[in-house]
Amino acid sequence: MKLLLLPGKPWPMGATWDGKGVNFAIFSAHAKAMALCLFDEAGTTELSRLMLPTHTCDVWHGYLPGASPGLIYGLRADGLWRPDRGHLFNPHKLLLDPYAREVVGHFEWRDEHFGADRQHPLHMDIRDNAALALKARVVHDRFDWD
């Protein structure tokens, strides 16, 4: 089955389940593209990588129909690699959604997490850190008070 992201909405931030699918919205003032990476139930294997299709006022967003709570995901931001100007976008690095409501995994400091090569700080480290990175899990935000 081919997954397709629809445009979605730029708000609320993070991953929001509406009962029919999940809207993803992430802020970045300088990213040129943002990828949504979907993982298996253990959070160890990347199953799919989808580009967020819409960019509104510095927010990248997309809607995944049929997605539901429990889905594990991460993000990859692409843009300029210009350390001299503070732009350190590295699409080889999986990022944790800063708006995540649940975090999956156990963090361990490893060189693979650094965007720059630690021996040559002006060079991008192209090792993929997804297997080691923390991920987010979509949650059900609604609560029935009855």
C-alpha atoms as a PDB file:
ATOM      1  CA  MET A   1       0.000   0.000   0.000  1.00  0.00           C
ATOM      2  CA  LYS A   2       1.436   3.374  -1.032  1.00  0.00           C
ATOM      3  CA  LEU A   3       1.138   6.043   1.654  1.00  0.00           C
ATOM      4  CA  LEU A   4       0.216   9.534   0.560  1.00  0.00           C
ATOM      5  CA  LEU A   5       0.407  12.685   2.638  1.00  0.00           C
ATOM      6  CA  LEU A   6      -2.316  15.250   2.015  1.00  0.00           C
ATOM      7  CA  PRO A   7      -1.673  18.982   2.632  1.00  0.00           C
ATOM      8  CA  GLY A   8      -2.972  18.996   6.212  1.00  0.00           C
ATOM      9  CA  LYS A   9      -2.989  22.067   8.462  1.00  0.00           C
ATOM     10  CA  PRO A  10      -0.222  24.158  10.054  1.00  0.00           C
ATOM     11  CA  TRP A  11      -1.846  23.937  13.493  1.00  0.00           C
ATOM     12  CA  PRO A  12      -1.743  22.438  16.072  1.00  0.00           C
ATOM     13  CA  MET A  13       1.964  21.707  16.181  1.00  0.00           C
ATOM     14  CA  GLY A  14       3.181  18.129  16.452  1.00  0.00           C
ATOM     15  CA  ALA A  15       1.137  15.039  15.578  1.00  0.00           C
ATOM     16  CA  THR A  16      -2.613  15.295  16.121  1.00  0.00           C
ATOM     17  CA  TRP A  17      -5.025  12.419  15.613  1.00  0.00           C
ATOM     18  CA  ASP A  18      -8.566  13.453  14.568  1.00  0.00           C
ATOM     19  CA  GLY A  19     -10.184   9.991  14.531  1.00  0.00           C
ATOM     20  CA  LYS A  20      -9.580   9.508  10.785  1.00  0.00           C
ATOM     21  CA  GLY A  21      -5.885  10.230  10.411  1.00  0.00           C
ATOM     22  CA  VAL A  22      -2.976  12.229  11.795  1.00  0.00           C
ATOM     23  CA  ASN A  23      -1.978  15.805  11.017  1.00  0.00           C
ATOM     24  CA  PHE A  24       1.743  16.557  11.352  1.00  0.00           C
ATOM     25  CA  ALA A  25       2.978  20.159  11.747  1.00  0.00           C
ATOM     26  CA  ILE A  26       6.555  21.226  12.496  1.00  0.00           C
ATOM     27  CA  PHE A  27       8.128  24.684  12.614  1.00  0.00           C
ATOM     28  CA  SER A  28      11.352  25.531  10.815  1.00  0.00           C
ATOM     29  CA  ALA A  29      12.228  29.016   9.618  1.00  0.00           C
ATOM     30  CA  HIS A  30      15.065  27.805   7.367  1.00  0.00           C
ATOM     31  CA  ALA A  31      14.457  24.182   6.313  1.00  0.00           C
ATOM     32  CA  LYS A  32      14.084  23.655   2.570  1.00  0.00           C
ATOM     33  CA  ALA A  33      12.216  20.357   3.064  1.00  0.00           C
ATOM     34  CA  MET A  34      10.940  18.190   5.913  1.00  0.00           C
ATOM     35  CA  ALA A  35      10.532  14.405   5.825  1.00  0.00           C
ATOM     36  CA  LEU A  36       8.243  12.336   8.032  1.00  0.00           C
ATOM     37  CA  CYS A  37       9.805   8.943   8.796  1.00  0.00           C
ATOM     38  CA  LEU A  38       7.527   6.118   9.937  1.00  0.00           C
ATOM     39  CA  PHE A  39       8.852   3.201  11.991  1.00  0.00           C
ATOM     40  CA  ASP A  40       7.843  -0.309  12.982  1.00  0.00           C
ATOM     41  CA  GLU A  41       6.168  -0.973  16.361  1.00  0.00           C
ATOM     42  CA  ALA A  42       9.539  -1.393  18.070  1.00  0.00           C
ATOM     43  CA  GLY A  43      10.803   1.917  16.669  1.00  0.00           C
ATOM     44  CA  THR A  44      13.899   0.262  15.230  1.00  0.00           C
ATOM     45  CA  THR A  45      13.212  -0.031  11.497  1.00  0.00           C
ATOM     46  CA  GLU A  46      12.259   2.838   9.205  1.00  0.00           C
ATOM     47  CA  LEU A  47       9.347   1.638   7.079  1.00  0.00           C
ATOM     48  CA  SER A  48       8.549   4.738   5.068  1.00  0.00           C
ATOM     49  CA  ARG A  49       9.811   8.252   4.397  1.00  0.00           C
ATOM     50  CA  LEU A  50       7.300  10.844   3.204  1.00  0.00           C
ATOM     51  CA  MET A  51       7.989  14.482   2.389  1.00  0.00           C
ATOM     52  CA  LEU A  52       5.677  16.905   4.189  1.00  0.00           C
ATOM     53  CA  PRO A  53       3.903  18.441   1.199  1.00  0.00           C
ATOM     54  CA  THR A  54       2.952  21.891   2.443  1.00  0.00           C
ATOM     55  CA  HIS A  55       4.846  24.859   3.876  1.00  0.00           C
ATOM     56  CA  THR A  56       2.820  27.685   5.468  1.00  0.00           C
ATOM     57  CA  CYS A  57       4.449  30.573   7.380  1.00  0.00           C
ATOM     58  CA  ASP A  58       7.531  28.547   8.407  1.00  0.00           C
ATOM     59  CA  VAL A  59       5.471  25.468   9.324  1.00  0.00           C
ATOM     60  CA  TRP A  60       5.826  22.236   7.350  1.00  0.00           C
ATOM     61  CA  HIS A  61       2.680  20.118   7.457  1.00  0.00           C
ATOM     62  CA  GLY A  62       0.880  17.098   6.075  1.00  0.00           C
ATOM     63  CA  TYR A  63      -2.020  14.792   6.863  1.00  0.00           C
ATOM     64  CA  LEU A  64      -1.751  10.994   6.809  1.00  0.00           C
ATOM     65  CA  PRO A  65      -5.220   9.461   6.330  1.00  0.00           C
ATOM     66  CA  GLY A  66      -5.794   6.219   8.219  1.00  0.00           C
ATOM     67  CA  ALA A  67      -2.920   6.784  10.658  1.00  0.00           C
ATOM     68  CA  SER A  68      -3.785   6.353  14.325  1.00  0.00           C
ATOM     69  CA  PRO A  69      -2.395   6.528  17.858  1.00  0.00           C
ATOM     70  CA  GLY A  70       0.574   4.235  18.368  1.00  0.00           C
ATOM     71  CA  LEU A  71       2.309   5.260  15.135  1.00  0.00           C
ATOM     72  CA  ILE A  72       6.031   5.830  15.752  1.00  0.00           C
ATOM     73  CA  TYR A  73       7.729   8.579  13.763  1.00  0.00           C
ATOM     74  CA  GLY A  74      10.667  10.933  13.483  1.00  0.00           C
ATOM     75  CA  LEU A  75      11.597  13.872  11.278  1.00  0.00           C
ATOM     76  CA  ARG A  76      14.441  14.762   8.936  1.00  0.00           C
ATOM     77  CA  ALA A  77      15.070  18.408   8.047  1.00  0.00           C
ATOM     78  CA  ASP A  78      16.904  19.311   4.858  1.00  0.00           C
ATOM     79  CA  GLY A  79      18.421  22.676   4.080  1.00  0.00           C
ATOM     80  CA  LEU A  80      21.725  24.494   3.929  1.00  0.00           C
ATOM     81  CA  TRP A  81      24.894  23.070   5.416  1.00  0.00           C
ATOM     82  CA  ARG A  82      26.672  26.319   6.281  1.00  0.00           C
ATOM     83  CA  PRO A  83      28.249  25.985   9.746  1.00  0.00           C
ATOM     84  CA  ASP A  84      29.817  29.431   9.300  1.00  0.00           C
ATOM     85  CA  ARG A  85      26.284  30.889   9.203  1.00  0.00           C
ATOM     86  CA  GLY A  86      24.689  28.610  11.794  1.00  0.00           C
ATOM     87  CA  HIS A  87      22.850  26.447   9.244  1.00  0.00           C
ATOM     88  CA  LEU A  88      23.455  22.805  10.144  1.00  0.00           C
ATOM     89  CA  PHE A  89      20.718  20.933   8.292  1.00  0.00           C
ATOM     90  CA  ASN A  90      21.621  17.287   7.892  1.00  0.00           C
ATOM     91  CA  PRO A  91      19.008  14.989   6.291  1.00  0.00           C
ATOM     92  CA  HIS A  92      21.006  11.949   7.484  1.00  0.00           C
ATOM     93  CA  LYS A  93      19.953  12.659  11.080  1.00  0.00           C
ATOM     94  CA  LEU A  94      16.595  11.667  12.518  1.00  0.00           C
ATOM     95  CA  LEU A  95      15.139  14.368  14.744  1.00  0.00           C
ATOM     96  CA  LEU A  96      12.694  14.021  17.606  1.00  0.00           C
ATOM     97  CA  ASP A  97       9.542  16.088  17.132  1.00  0.00           C
ATOM     98  CA  PRO A  98       9.861  18.933  19.678  1.00  0.00           C
ATOM     99  CA  TYR A  99       6.077  18.765  20.122  1.00  0.00           C
ATOM    100  CA  ALA A 100       6.049  14.995  20.800  1.00  0.00           C
ATOM    101  CA  ARG A 101       3.575  13.905  23.457  1.00  0.00           C
ATOM    102  CA  GLU A 102       5.251  10.529  23.955  1.00  0.00           C
ATOM    103  CA  VAL A 103       8.922   9.655  23.413  1.00  0.00           C
ATOM    104  CA  VAL A 104      10.049   6.172  22.370  1.00  0.00           C
ATOM    105  CA  GLY A 105      13.485   4.679  23.051  1.00  0.00           C
ATOM    106  CA  HIS A 106      16.430   5.209  25.352  1.00  0.00           C
ATOM    107  CA  PHE A 107      18.990   7.851  24.497  1.00  0.00           C
ATOM    108  CA  GLU A 108      22.674   7.009  24.435  1.00  0.00           C
ATOM    109  CA  TRP A 109      25.289   9.582  23.428  1.00  0.00           C
ATOM    110  CA  ARG A 110      26.942   8.353  20.227  1.00  0.00           C
ATOM    111  CA  ASP A 111      28.938  10.116  17.519  1.00  0.00           C
ATOM    112  CA  GLU A 112      26.204   9.208  15.006  1.00  0.00           C
ATOM    113  CA  HIS A 113      23.882  11.794  16.600  1.00  0.00           C
ATOM    114  CA  PHE A 114      26.133  14.743  15.744  1.00  0.00           C
ATOM    115  CA  GLY A 115      25.366  16.580  12.517  1.00  0.00           C
ATOM    116  CA  ALA A 116      29.001  17.471  11.972  1.00  0.00           C
ATOM    117  CA  ASP A 117      31.940  15.095  11.774  1.00  0.00           C
ATOM    118  CA  ARG A 118      33.556  15.459  15.202  1.00  0.00           C
ATOM    119  CA  GLN A 119      37.039  15.155  13.702  1.00  0.00           C
ATOM    120  CA  HIS A 120      36.289  17.721  10.961  1.00  0.00           C
ATOM    121  CA  PRO A 121      33.565  20.061  12.327  1.00  0.00           C
ATOM    122  CA  LEU A 122      32.950  21.870   9.028  1.00  0.00           C
ATOM    123  CA  HIS A 123      32.068  18.578   7.305  1.00  0.00           C
ATOM    124  CA  MET A 124      28.666  16.909   7.513  1.00  0.00           C
ATOM    125  CA  ASP A 125      28.508  13.508   9.200  1.00  0.00           C
ATOM    126  CA  ILE A 126      26.550  11.342   6.744  1.00  0.00           C
ATOM    127  CA  ARG A 127      25.956   8.372   9.058  1.00  0.00           C
ATOM    128  CA  ASP A 128      22.249   7.693   9.634  1.00  0.00           C
ATOM    129  CA  ASN A 129      21.371   7.803  13.344  1.00  0.00           C
ATOM    130  CA  ALA A 130      17.784   6.497  13.036  1.00  0.00           C
ATOM    131  CA  ALA A 131      18.455   3.149  14.713  1.00  0.00           C
ATOM    132  CA  LEU A 132      19.808   4.960  17.797  1.00  0.00           C
ATOM    133  CA  ALA A 133      17.641   8.095  17.886  1.00  0.00           C
ATOM    134  CA  LEU A 134      14.666   8.818  20.096  1.00  0.00           C
ATOM    135  CA  LYS A 135      11.342   8.805  18.257  1.00  0.00           C
ATOM    136  CA  ALA A 136       7.833  10.089  18.909  1.00  0.00           C
ATOM    137  CA  ARG A 137       4.605   8.130  19.215  1.00  0.00           C
ATOM    138  CA  VAL A 138       1.212   9.501  18.149  1.00  0.00           C
ATOM    139  CA  VAL A 139      -1.145   9.569  21.144  1.00  0.00           C
ATOM    140  CA  HIS A 140      -4.880   9.868  21.666  1.00  0.00           C
ATOM    141  CA  ASP A 141      -5.402  13.318  23.238  1.00  0.00           C
ATOM    142  CA  ARG A 142      -9.106  13.101  23.890  1.00  0.00           C
ATOM    143  CA  PHE A 143     -10.410  12.094  27.290  1.00  0.00           C
ATOM    144  CA  ASP A 144     -14.008  11.204  28.102  1.00  0.00           C
ATOM    145  CA  TRP A 145     -14.781  12.711  31.499  1.00  0.00           C
ATOM    146  CA  ASP A 146     -18.040  10.734  31.851  1.00  0.00           C
END
